[in-house]
Amino acid sequence: MIKLLAMEFTYGRTVALYIYQLGDKYEGEWKESLKHGNGMDVFINGDKYIGQYKHGKPHGYGKYITSDGSTYSGQFADGLKHGFGKWKSSNTHLYEGQYVGNKKHGFGIFKWPTGNIYVGYYENDKREGMGEMLWTDGSIYTGKWKNDIQDGYGRMVFSDGRVKEGWFDRNVYRGVSKRGEFAKRGLDVLEGVELEFSKELVEEILRRRAVHGMKGR
């Protein structure tokens, strides 16, 4: 059962306030009996969505806030996170980057509560392809990832300055091959990426790279 509390017609738009049977509430624009345009959902579990709708589902830009304080601000498509967005959990996990169908997919930056940071590509919520991992002890790995682990050609710079460059197999360094390949390329996983990351996050990445004289953005 849906209870209509108010409805207003303004310049061809229908704005309504609905209370649903379980206690969820929607306030916003309405078209052909569906949420359409700008609006806000307040759910009985404490979650809230504020943003754009299309044919009854979040679509376009919006912000979703969960009852525990986690937030997502960014693009939606057909009710799912899709496009560029920024997510922060209540326990300070942080991700800024691309989504496809509610999963991290494309280029992004992930920061753990420990302070460790990953910069690079994702596929179906897992690190995949070229990426860079920066640990709080100063160690940095730049290279290939597969199924969320270091796998392929990479370069590991340890906190004491030691360098291992070559092939990694499921997080294990296997040996040297074409040494100096990354140095010749001047590889920077951020280079050429045109996404609006938080200034503070990018600056932190560049500060950590500078410890080993690595190239900045």
Protein backbone atom coordinates (compact mmCIF):
# COMPACT_ATOMS: atom_id res chain seq x y z
CA MET A 1 0.00 0.00 0.00
CA ILE A 2 1.27 3.48 -0.91
CA LYS A 3 -0.07 6.59 0.81
CA LEU A 4 0.06 9.88 -1.10
CA LEU A 5 0.45 12.76 1.36
CA ALA A 6 0.92 15.65 -1.04
CA MET A 7 1.17 16.42 -4.73
CA GLU A 8 2.06 19.61 -6.55
CA PHE A 9 2.10 20.46 -10.25
CA THR A 10 4.67 23.11 -11.19
CA TYR A 11 5.71 24.12 -14.70
CA GLY A 12 4.82 20.72 -16.12
CA ARG A 13 6.47 18.78 -13.28
CA THR A 14 4.75 16.59 -10.72
CA VAL A 15 6.24 16.69 -7.22
CA ALA A 16 4.89 14.21 -4.70
CA LEU A 17 5.40 12.89 -1.17
CA TYR A 18 4.71 9.17 -0.76
CA ILE A 19 4.81 6.92 2.32
CA TYR A 20 5.15 3.21 1.52
CA GLN A 21 3.57 0.36 3.48
CA LEU A 22 6.81 -0.61 5.28
CA GLY A 23 7.60 2.99 6.22
CA ASP A 24 9.92 4.04 3.38
CA LYS A 25 9.34 7.60 2.15
CA TYR A 26 9.89 9.25 -1.22
CA GLU A 27 9.71 12.95 -1.90
CA GLY A 28 10.40 14.35 -5.33
CA GLU A 29 9.46 14.44 -8.97
CA TRP A 30 7.14 11.87 -10.47
CA LYS A 31 6.26 10.85 -14.01
CA GLU A 32 3.81 8.20 -15.22
CA SER A 33 3.52 6.72 -11.69
CA LEU A 34 7.31 6.38 -11.33
CA LYS A 35 10.05 8.36 -9.60
CA HIS A 36 11.53 10.49 -12.37
CA GLY A 37 13.69 13.59 -12.04
CA ASN A 38 15.11 14.86 -8.75
CA GLY A 39 14.04 13.33 -5.48
CA MET A 40 14.90 11.74 -2.16
CA ASP A 41 14.26 8.29 -0.72
CA VAL A 42 14.38 7.77 3.05
CA PHE A 43 14.29 4.07 3.94
CA ILE A 44 13.02 2.52 7.15
CA ASN A 45 16.46 0.97 7.80
CA GLY A 46 18.00 4.45 8.01
CA ASP A 47 19.52 4.60 4.52
CA LYS A 48 18.93 7.66 2.35
CA TYR A 49 19.31 8.47 -1.35
CA ILE A 50 19.27 12.00 -2.73
CA GLY A 51 19.63 12.59 -6.44
CA GLN A 52 18.31 11.91 -9.90
CA TYR A 53 15.86 9.20 -10.95
CA LYS A 54 14.77 7.73 -14.24
CA HIS A 55 11.81 5.38 -14.67
CA GLY A 56 11.67 4.62 -10.94
CA LYS A 57 15.38 4.01 -10.26
CA PRO A 58 18.41 6.14 -9.33
CA HIS A 59 19.92 7.29 -12.60
CA GLY A 60 22.37 10.13 -13.13
CA TYR A 61 24.11 11.87 -10.24
CA GLY A 62 23.18 11.01 -6.68
CA LYS A 63 24.34 10.47 -3.13
CA TYR A 64 23.57 7.34 -1.10
CA ILE A 65 24.09 7.41 2.68
CA THR A 66 23.77 4.21 4.72
CA SER A 67 22.60 4.02 8.30
CA ASP A 68 26.16 3.30 9.51
CA GLY A 69 27.50 6.52 7.91
CA SER A 70 29.02 5.09 4.73
CA THR A 71 28.53 7.33 1.68
CA TYR A 72 28.65 7.09 -2.10
CA SER A 73 28.52 10.20 -4.26
CA GLY A 74 28.59 9.79 -8.01
CA GLN A 75 26.93 8.38 -11.06
CA PHE A 76 24.13 5.81 -11.13
CA ALA A 77 22.54 3.89 -14.00
CA ASP A 78 19.40 1.77 -13.69
CA GLY A 79 19.67 1.79 -9.89
CA LEU A 80 23.34 0.75 -9.71
CA LYS A 81 26.63 2.60 -9.18
CA HIS A 82 27.84 3.13 -12.73
CA GLY A 83 30.40 5.68 -13.91
CA PHE A 84 32.66 7.80 -11.73
CA GLY A 85 31.99 7.91 -8.02
CA LYS A 86 33.46 8.39 -4.55
CA TRP A 87 32.74 5.87 -1.79
CA LYS A 88 33.76 6.10 1.85
CA SER A 89 32.87 3.52 4.46
CA SER A 90 32.16 4.22 8.11
CA ASN A 91 35.50 2.60 9.04
CA THR A 92 37.44 4.89 6.62
CA HIS A 93 37.89 2.59 3.63
CA LEU A 94 37.89 4.93 0.63
CA TYR A 95 37.51 4.45 -3.11
CA GLU A 96 37.41 7.04 -5.86
CA GLY A 97 37.08 5.80 -9.41
CA GLN A 98 35.00 4.09 -12.03
CA TYR A 99 32.15 1.64 -11.51
CA VAL A 100 30.27 -0.69 -13.80
CA GLY A 101 27.14 -2.39 -12.52
CA ASN A 102 27.85 -1.64 -8.83
CA LYS A 103 31.43 -2.99 -9.04
CA LYS A 104 34.79 -1.24 -9.18
CA HIS A 105 35.68 -1.51 -12.84
CA GLY A 106 38.08 0.74 -14.73
CA PHE A 107 40.53 3.15 -13.13
CA GLY A 108 40.41 3.97 -9.44
CA ILE A 109 42.18 4.78 -6.19
CA PHE A 110 41.53 2.70 -3.06
CA LYS A 111 42.75 3.61 0.43
CA TRP A 112 42.62 1.23 3.41
CA PRO A 113 42.19 2.32 7.06
CA THR A 114 45.85 1.35 7.53
CA GLY A 115 46.85 4.08 5.09
CA ASN A 116 47.95 1.76 2.27
CA ILE A 117 46.87 2.99 -1.19
CA TYR A 118 46.29 1.29 -4.54
CA VAL A 119 46.24 3.34 -7.75
CA GLY A 120 45.32 1.58 -10.97
CA TYR A 121 42.86 -0.56 -12.86
CA TYR A 122 40.06 -2.80 -11.64
CA GLU A 123 37.96 -5.47 -13.26
CA ASN A 124 34.86 -6.85 -11.54
CA ASP A 125 35.87 -5.43 -8.13
CA LYS A 126 39.44 -6.82 -8.31
CA ARG A 127 42.79 -5.23 -9.13
CA GLU A 128 43.55 -6.18 -12.72
CA GLY A 129 46.05 -4.84 -15.25
CA MET A 130 48.46 -2.02 -14.51
CA GLY A 131 48.51 -0.67 -10.97
CA GLU A 132 50.59 0.80 -8.19
CA MET A 133 50.52 -0.14 -4.51
CA LEU A 134 51.91 2.26 -1.92
CA TRP A 135 52.45 0.94 1.60
CA THR A 136 52.77 3.14 4.67
CA ASP A 137 56.32 1.87 5.32
CA GLY A 138 57.41 3.55 2.06
CA SER A 139 57.46 0.45 -0.15
CA ILE A 140 55.97 0.82 -3.65
CA TYR A 141 55.04 -1.80 -6.24
CA THR A 142 54.31 -0.71 -9.81
CA GLY A 143 53.31 -3.28 -12.38
CA LYS A 144 50.81 -5.90 -13.46
CA TRP A 145 47.99 -7.33 -11.37
CA LYS A 146 45.77 -10.32 -11.96
CA ASN A 147 42.80 -11.43 -9.89
CA ASP A 148 43.69 -8.92 -7.13
CA ILE A 149 47.37 -9.94 -6.71
CA GLN A 150 50.74 -8.95 -8.20
CA ASP A 151 51.15 -11.08 -11.30
CA GLY A 152 53.23 -10.21 -14.37
CA TYR A 153 55.97 -7.69 -14.98
CA GLY A 154 56.56 -5.29 -12.10
CA ARG A 155 58.95 -3.19 -10.08
CA MET A 156 59.13 -3.34 -6.29
CA VAL A 157 60.92 -0.58 -4.39
CA PHE A 158 61.36 -1.42 -0.71
CA SER A 159 61.43 1.07 2.14
CA ASP A 160 65.21 0.63 2.48
CA GLY A 161 65.75 1.50 -1.19
CA ARG A 162 66.27 -2.05 -2.54
CA VAL A 163 64.70 -2.67 -5.95
CA LYS A 164 63.39 -5.86 -7.54
CA GLU A 165 62.27 -5.58 -11.13
CA GLY A 166 61.10 -8.46 -13.25
CA TRP A 167 58.40 -11.10 -13.24
CA PHE A 168 56.03 -11.66 -10.34
CA ASP A 169 53.94 -14.81 -10.05
CA ARG A 170 51.01 -14.64 -7.60
CA ASN A 171 52.76 -12.07 -5.38
CA VAL A 172 56.14 -13.90 -5.54
CA TYR A 173 59.15 -12.36 -7.31
CA ARG A 174 60.51 -14.89 -9.83
CA GLY A 175 63.43 -13.13 -11.44
CA VAL A 176 64.92 -10.41 -13.60
CA SER A 177 63.85 -9.81 -17.19
CA LYS A 178 64.39 -6.68 -19.29
CA ARG A 179 65.68 -4.83 -16.25
CA GLY A 180 65.12 -1.10 -16.36
CA GLU A 181 62.01 -1.32 -18.53
CA PHE A 182 59.95 0.90 -16.24
CA ALA A 183 62.74 3.45 -15.85
CA LYS A 184 62.98 3.80 -19.63
CA ARG A 185 59.23 4.27 -19.99
CA GLY A 186 58.93 6.73 -17.11
CA LEU A 187 55.80 4.85 -16.11
CA ASP A 188 53.11 6.69 -14.18
CA VAL A 189 49.77 4.94 -13.75
CA LEU A 190 48.07 8.32 -13.17
CA GLU A 191 49.38 9.82 -16.40
CA GLY A 192 46.68 10.50 -18.95
CA VAL A 193 43.83 9.67 -16.55
CA GLU A 194 41.25 12.46 -16.61
CA LEU A 195 39.09 11.82 -13.56
CA GLU A 196 38.27 14.23 -10.74
CA PHE A 197 40.05 12.66 -7.78
CA SER A 198 40.24 14.48 -4.45
CA LYS A 199 43.19 16.87 -4.39
CA GLU A 200 44.28 15.63 -0.95
CA LEU A 201 44.38 12.01 -2.12
CA VAL A 202 46.51 12.76 -5.20
CA GLU A 203 48.88 14.92 -3.15
CA GLU A 204 49.38 12.09 -0.65
CA ILE A 205 50.27 9.68 -3.47
CA LEU A 206 52.80 12.15 -4.92
CA ARG A 207 54.39 12.72 -1.48
CA ARG A 208 54.93 8.99 -1.02
CA ARG A 209 56.42 8.60 -4.49
CA ALA A 210 58.82 11.46 -3.82
CA VAL A 211 60.51 9.38 -1.08
CA HIS A 212 62.11 7.27 -3.84
CA GLY A 213 62.40 10.08 -6.38
CA MET A 214 59.61 8.56 -8.49
CA LYS A 215 57.89 10.51 -11.22
CA GLY A 216 54.84 12.57 -10.27
CA ARG A 217 51.65 13.31 -12.13
